[in-house]
């Protein structure tokens, strides 16, 4: 769909599509081995429970970016090295976490884009609670399944499906 934009930087996308982009507020840090990543969005909304994260990353990623709205909680990690390795093995391009990750050193060695607010060694609960494939809102952006997310050292942008 947006193959011509595959190698573009977020600043270049902004210059080309200023009115069609949403720009994520600063605050996310890079933790994965891939500092620039992009792909169609898949979404989860789950607060301090990463059961759905495991389920989603067990599926074929097909170059998608998993956007996890963890409610901005800094009390526990929504993903660690085991789930990040699942993402790599199953072809996910990246993961954006509105919350924390753990095992940052190991994730930093993986060929995966990972951005999160912070790290925390505490693991989440596993009660199977949350929503999949829903619109999520955080950091000034509405993330919708199927729209495209681009991330690099300059930030995170979302390009709507209708943009060309």
C-alpha atoms as a PDB file:
ATOM      1  CA  UNK A   1       0.000   0.000   0.000  1.00  0.00           C
ATOM      2  CA  UNK A   2       2.700   2.480   1.022  1.00  0.00           C
ATOM      3  CA  UNK A   3       5.727   0.630  -0.324  1.00  0.00           C
ATOM      4  CA  UNK A   4       7.079   3.819  -1.890  1.00  0.00           C
ATOM      5  CA  UNK A   5       7.296   5.256   1.638  1.00  0.00           C
ATOM      6  CA  UNK A   6       8.969   2.171   3.142  1.00  0.00           C
ATOM      7  CA  UNK A   7      12.404   3.755   3.450  1.00  0.00           C
ATOM      8  CA  UNK A   8      11.250   7.266   4.241  1.00  0.00           C
ATOM      9  CA  UNK A   9      12.095   9.027   7.453  1.00  0.00           C
ATOM     10  CA  UNK A  10       9.386  10.538   9.625  1.00  0.00           C
ATOM     11  CA  UNK A  11      10.611  14.069   8.849  1.00  0.00           C
ATOM     12  CA  UNK A  12      10.307  13.399   5.098  1.00  0.00           C
ATOM     13  CA  UNK A  13       6.830  11.967   5.577  1.00  0.00           C
ATOM     14  CA  UNK A  14       5.872  15.099   7.482  1.00  0.00           C
ATOM     15  CA  UNK A  15       7.134  17.288   4.657  1.00  0.00           C
ATOM     16  CA  UNK A  16       5.086  15.322   2.114  1.00  0.00           C
ATOM     17  CA  UNK A  17       1.911  14.640   4.120  1.00  0.00           C
ATOM     18  CA  UNK A  18       1.718  17.281   6.852  1.00  0.00           C
ATOM     19  CA  UNK A  19      -2.105  17.463   6.831  1.00  0.00           C
ATOM     20  CA  UNK A  20      -2.562  13.678   6.679  1.00  0.00           C
ATOM     21  CA  UNK A  21      -0.213  12.713   9.509  1.00  0.00           C
ATOM     22  CA  UNK A  22      -0.700  12.372  13.221  1.00  0.00           C
ATOM     23  CA  UNK A  23       2.459  12.983  15.226  1.00  0.00           C
ATOM     24  CA  UNK A  24       2.990  11.240  18.528  1.00  0.00           C
ATOM     25  CA  UNK A  25       4.018  13.481  21.419  1.00  0.00           C
ATOM     26  CA  UNK A  26       7.653  12.979  22.469  1.00  0.00           C
ATOM     27  CA  UNK A  27       8.385  10.720  25.415  1.00  0.00           C
ATOM     28  CA  UNK A  28       8.916   7.255  23.961  1.00  0.00           C
ATOM     29  CA  UNK A  29      12.383   5.694  24.010  1.00  0.00           C
ATOM     30  CA  UNK A  30      13.924   3.207  21.582  1.00  0.00           C
ATOM     31  CA  UNK A  31      14.736  -0.184  23.071  1.00  0.00           C
ATOM     32  CA  UNK A  32      14.819  -2.541  20.080  1.00  0.00           C
ATOM     33  CA  UNK A  33      17.691  -3.256  17.751  1.00  0.00           C
ATOM     34  CA  UNK A  34      15.854  -1.597  14.836  1.00  0.00           C
ATOM     35  CA  UNK A  35      15.759   2.175  15.383  1.00  0.00           C
ATOM     36  CA  UNK A  36      13.636   2.793  12.308  1.00  0.00           C
ATOM     37  CA  UNK A  37      10.575   0.640  11.636  1.00  0.00           C
ATOM     38  CA  UNK A  38       7.185   0.864   9.987  1.00  0.00           C
ATOM     39  CA  UNK A  39       4.127  -1.161   9.102  1.00  0.00           C
ATOM     40  CA  UNK A  40       0.378  -1.498   9.333  1.00  0.00           C
ATOM     41  CA  UNK A  41      -0.952  -1.106  12.863  1.00  0.00           C
ATOM     42  CA  UNK A  42      -2.469  -3.850  15.021  1.00  0.00           C
ATOM     43  CA  UNK A  43      -3.817  -2.685  18.390  1.00  0.00           C
ATOM     44  CA  UNK A  44      -4.311  -3.912  21.936  1.00  0.00           C
ATOM     45  CA  UNK A  45      -5.738  -2.113  24.936  1.00  0.00           C
ATOM     46  CA  UNK A  46      -4.734  -3.840  28.150  1.00  0.00           C
ATOM     47  CA  UNK A  47      -3.857  -2.385  31.538  1.00  0.00           C
ATOM     48  CA  UNK A  48      -1.115  -4.174  33.502  1.00  0.00           C
ATOM     49  CA  UNK A  49      -2.100  -7.523  31.896  1.00  0.00           C
ATOM     50  CA  UNK A  50      -0.028  -8.820  28.987  1.00  0.00           C
ATOM     51  CA  UNK A  51      -2.013 -11.979  28.201  1.00  0.00           C
ATOM     52  CA  UNK A  52      -3.275 -10.507  24.924  1.00  0.00           C
ATOM     53  CA  UNK A  53       0.236  -9.345  24.031  1.00  0.00           C
ATOM     54  CA  UNK A  54       1.430 -12.955  24.111  1.00  0.00           C
ATOM     55  CA  UNK A  55      -1.580 -14.105  22.074  1.00  0.00           C
ATOM     56  CA  UNK A  56      -1.065 -11.416  19.437  1.00  0.00           C
ATOM     57  CA  UNK A  57       2.692 -11.917  19.098  1.00  0.00           C
ATOM     58  CA  UNK A  58       2.101 -15.667  18.670  1.00  0.00           C
ATOM     59  CA  UNK A  59       0.328 -14.771  15.403  1.00  0.00           C
ATOM     60  CA  UNK A  60       2.016 -14.027  12.076  1.00  0.00           C
ATOM     61  CA  UNK A  61       3.017 -10.370  12.164  1.00  0.00           C
ATOM     62  CA  UNK A  62       3.322  -9.924   8.401  1.00  0.00           C
ATOM     63  CA  UNK A  63       5.395  -6.762   8.912  1.00  0.00           C
ATOM     64  CA  UNK A  64       2.845  -5.116  11.205  1.00  0.00           C
ATOM     65  CA  UNK A  65       3.516  -2.911  14.218  1.00  0.00           C
ATOM     66  CA  UNK A  66       1.750  -3.876  17.442  1.00  0.00           C
ATOM     67  CA  UNK A  67       0.529  -0.815  19.342  1.00  0.00           C
ATOM     68  CA  UNK A  68      -0.127  -1.655  22.993  1.00  0.00           C
ATOM     69  CA  UNK A  69      -2.079   0.845  25.044  1.00  0.00           C
ATOM     70  CA  UNK A  70      -1.052  -0.099  28.560  1.00  0.00           C
ATOM     71  CA  UNK A  71      -2.652   3.046  29.934  1.00  0.00           C
ATOM     72  CA  UNK A  72       0.764   4.641  30.427  1.00  0.00           C
ATOM     73  CA  UNK A  73       1.347   2.504  33.520  1.00  0.00           C
ATOM     74  CA  UNK A  74       4.907   2.502  34.810  1.00  0.00           C
ATOM     75  CA  UNK A  75       4.166  -0.138  37.485  1.00  0.00           C
ATOM     76  CA  UNK A  76       4.947  -3.245  35.415  1.00  0.00           C
ATOM     77  CA  UNK A  77       6.300  -4.395  32.059  1.00  0.00           C
ATOM     78  CA  UNK A  78       3.959  -5.325  29.231  1.00  0.00           C
ATOM     79  CA  UNK A  79       6.677  -7.133  27.258  1.00  0.00           C
ATOM     80  CA  UNK A  80      10.039  -8.758  27.915  1.00  0.00           C
ATOM     81  CA  UNK A  81      12.635 -10.643  25.909  1.00  0.00           C
ATOM     82  CA  UNK A  82      10.557 -13.809  25.486  1.00  0.00           C
ATOM     83  CA  UNK A  83       7.641 -11.954  23.901  1.00  0.00           C
ATOM     84  CA  UNK A  84      10.006  -9.775  21.863  1.00  0.00           C
ATOM     85  CA  UNK A  85      11.634 -12.934  20.473  1.00  0.00           C
ATOM     86  CA  UNK A  86       8.171 -14.212  19.517  1.00  0.00           C
ATOM     87  CA  UNK A  87       7.660 -10.942  17.627  1.00  0.00           C
ATOM     88  CA  UNK A  88      10.926 -11.438  15.750  1.00  0.00           C
ATOM     89  CA  UNK A  89      10.190 -15.101  14.999  1.00  0.00           C
ATOM     90  CA  UNK A  90       6.683 -14.316  13.748  1.00  0.00           C
ATOM     91  CA  UNK A  91       7.585 -11.408  11.455  1.00  0.00           C
ATOM     92  CA  UNK A  92       6.457  -8.331  13.389  1.00  0.00           C
ATOM     93  CA  UNK A  93       8.188  -5.090  12.360  1.00  0.00           C
ATOM     94  CA  UNK A  94       7.876  -3.451  15.744  1.00  0.00           C
ATOM     95  CA  UNK A  95       6.057  -2.837  19.000  1.00  0.00           C
ATOM     96  CA  UNK A  96       5.000   0.487  20.509  1.00  0.00           C
ATOM     97  CA  UNK A  97       4.129   0.272  24.216  1.00  0.00           C
ATOM     98  CA  UNK A  98       2.276   2.988  26.091  1.00  0.00           C
ATOM     99  CA  UNK A  99       3.843   1.589  29.236  1.00  0.00           C
ATOM    100  CA  UNK A 100       6.987  -0.330  30.175  1.00  0.00           C
ATOM    101  CA  UNK A 101       9.076  -3.202  28.905  1.00  0.00           C
ATOM    102  CA  UNK A 102      11.716  -5.276  30.672  1.00  0.00           C
ATOM    103  CA  UNK A 103      14.833  -7.178  29.537  1.00  0.00           C
ATOM    104  CA  UNK A 104      15.921  -4.048  27.691  1.00  0.00           C
ATOM    105  CA  UNK A 105      19.493  -5.216  27.049  1.00  0.00           C
ATOM    106  CA  UNK A 106      18.323  -8.427  25.364  1.00  0.00           C
ATOM    107  CA  UNK A 107      15.634  -6.631  23.345  1.00  0.00           C
ATOM    108  CA  UNK A 108      18.256  -4.138  22.196  1.00  0.00           C
ATOM    109  CA  UNK A 109      20.089  -6.991  20.462  1.00  0.00           C
ATOM    110  CA  UNK A 110      17.021  -8.136  18.516  1.00  0.00           C
ATOM    111  CA  UNK A 111      16.085  -7.174  14.967  1.00  0.00           C
ATOM    112  CA  UNK A 112      12.854  -5.545  16.083  1.00  0.00           C
ATOM    113  CA  UNK A 113      11.677  -1.992  16.557  1.00  0.00           C
ATOM    114  CA  UNK A 114      10.557  -1.433  20.149  1.00  0.00           C
ATOM    115  CA  UNK A 115       9.552   1.859  21.701  1.00  0.00           C
ATOM    116  CA  UNK A 116       8.151   2.308  25.202  1.00  0.00           C
ATOM    117  CA  UNK A 117       7.912   4.899  27.953  1.00  0.00           C
ATOM    118  CA  UNK A 118      10.369   3.196  30.319  1.00  0.00           C
ATOM    119  CA  UNK A 119      11.572  -0.095  31.761  1.00  0.00           C
ATOM    120  CA  UNK A 120      10.446  -1.937  34.877  1.00  0.00           C
ATOM    121  CA  UNK A 121      11.584  -5.391  36.045  1.00  0.00           C
ATOM    122  CA  UNK A 122       8.122  -6.264  37.441  1.00  0.00           C
ATOM    123  CA  UNK A 123       6.067  -8.521  35.181  1.00  0.00           C
ATOM    124  CA  UNK A 124       2.387  -7.930  34.530  1.00  0.00           C
ATOM    125  CA  UNK A 125      -0.522 -10.052  35.666  1.00  0.00           C
ATOM    126  CA  UNK A 126      -2.026 -12.600  33.312  1.00  0.00           C
ATOM    127  CA  UNK A 127      -5.803 -12.552  33.619  1.00  0.00           C
ATOM    128  CA  UNK A 128      -6.724 -12.417  29.936  1.00  0.00           C
ATOM    129  CA  UNK A 129      -8.221  -8.949  30.221  1.00  0.00           C
ATOM    130  CA  UNK A 130      -8.153  -6.341  27.478  1.00  0.00           C
ATOM    131  CA  UNK A 131      -9.355  -5.530  23.977  1.00  0.00           C
ATOM    132  CA  UNK A 132      -7.905  -6.415  20.599  1.00  0.00           C
ATOM    133  CA  UNK A 133      -8.283  -4.586  17.304  1.00  0.00           C
ATOM    134  CA  UNK A 134      -9.792  -1.452  18.828  1.00  0.00           C
ATOM    135  CA  UNK A 135      -8.990   2.196  18.241  1.00  0.00           C
ATOM    136  CA  UNK A 136      -6.630   3.410  20.975  1.00  0.00           C
ATOM    137  CA  UNK A 137      -5.673   6.963  21.879  1.00  0.00           C
ATOM    138  CA  UNK A 138      -2.540   8.183  23.625  1.00  0.00           C
ATOM    139  CA  UNK A 139       0.221  10.752  23.193  1.00  0.00           C
ATOM    140  CA  UNK A 140      -1.949  12.915  20.961  1.00  0.00           C
ATOM    141  CA  UNK A 141      -2.587  10.179  18.378  1.00  0.00           C
ATOM    142  CA  UNK A 142      -5.508   7.913  17.528  1.00  0.00           C
ATOM    143  CA  UNK A 143      -4.095   4.538  16.468  1.00  0.00           C
ATOM    144  CA  UNK A 144      -6.414   2.561  14.181  1.00  0.00           C
ATOM    145  CA  UNK A 145      -5.828  -0.980  12.955  1.00  0.00           C
ATOM    146  CA  UNK A 146      -4.645  -0.971   9.357  1.00  0.00           C
ATOM    147  CA  UNK A 147      -3.256   2.559   9.317  1.00  0.00           C
ATOM    148  CA  UNK A 148       0.508   2.872   8.996  1.00  0.00           C
ATOM    149  CA  UNK A 149       2.954   3.724  11.755  1.00  0.00           C
ATOM    150  CA  UNK A 150       6.469   4.970  11.024  1.00  0.00           C
ATOM    151  CA  UNK A 151       9.072   5.391  13.768  1.00  0.00           C
ATOM    152  CA  UNK A 152      12.683   6.517  13.776  1.00  0.00           C
ATOM    153  CA  UNK A 153      15.046   8.717  15.774  1.00  0.00           C
ATOM    154  CA  UNK A 154      12.873  11.768  15.050  1.00  0.00           C
ATOM    155  CA  UNK A 155       9.665  10.309  16.427  1.00  0.00           C
ATOM    156  CA  UNK A 156       6.502   8.390  15.625  1.00  0.00           C
ATOM    157  CA  UNK A 157       3.950   9.304  12.962  1.00  0.00           C
ATOM    158  CA  UNK A 158       0.742   7.656  11.764  1.00  0.00           C
ATOM    159  CA  UNK A 159      -0.407   7.932   8.167  1.00  0.00           C
ATOM    160  CA  UNK A 160      -4.101   7.243   7.506  1.00  0.00           C
ATOM    161  CA  UNK A 161      -5.129   4.605   4.976  1.00  0.00           C
ATOM    162  CA  UNK A 162      -6.684   7.185   2.687  1.00  0.00           C
ATOM    163  CA  UNK A 163      -3.395   9.122   2.332  1.00  0.00           C
ATOM    164  CA  UNK A 164      -1.412   8.744  -0.886  1.00  0.00           C
END
